[in-house]
Amino acid sequence: MTRHILGLSGGKDSTALAILMHKEVPQMEYFFCDTGKELPETYEYLERIKARLGIKIEYLNAERDFDHWLEVFNGVLPSPRVRWCTRKLKIEPLEKFVGDDKAISYIGIRADENREGYVSAQPNIYPIYPFKERSLIKADILQILDESGIGLPSYYEWRSRSGCSFCFFLA
C-alpha cells in the first residue's frame, strides 16, 4: 500500500495544499517537522489548521536538536552552500517517519516558483507538485486560504515565510 503524505511547514503554501487535498485524498497523512526553534505563532497556526480541517498532524522531531548540530558543525551556521538544518531537522525525520513504505509526498511549490524544494532522495518517497500541475500561483493560494477561513498566519505581518525563528533563508 502506498502512503500519501503532506508536510505542513506552518506557512501559506503547504496550508493551501492541505486545504486543497484533504477532500481529494482522505487517507492523507499530515506531518510537521518540529525543529524546536519555531515561532509560537507557527504552533498556533497549526492548531487552527487542525481545527478547521478536522485533521491530525503528526509532529516529527529530529533525534538531535538544532543546538546539537550547530556544535557538530563547529558553530558553522546553515547557509545556501551548507544547508545542514534542512537535512538534519526536516528530511531525516521525514525519512524515518516513512521508513521503507512507499509514499507519495505532496509538495506545496507553486507554478510561479522556479524551484523544487529540498526533498528526500529516497527512492520509496515520490514527490508530486499539485500546484504546478494545476498552474496555481500565489494569488490562487491566497484565495484558497481566504475562502477556507484559515487565512494567513499572523507572523506574515513581519516576515516573509515560515521557518525557524531565526531562519537564515528569509527574504
Foldseek 3Di string as FASTA:
>chain_A
DAAEEEEDQLFLQSLLVCLVCCVVCVRYAYEYQCQVQFDPLSVVLVVLSCVLSVHDYHYFFFPDHPVVVCVVVVNDDADPVRNVCCVRRPAVSVCVVCPQHQYEYEDRDALPDDDDDDYDPDPSYHYDYVRNVVRNDPVNSQVSCVVSVSHGGPCVVPFPTTDGPPDPPTD
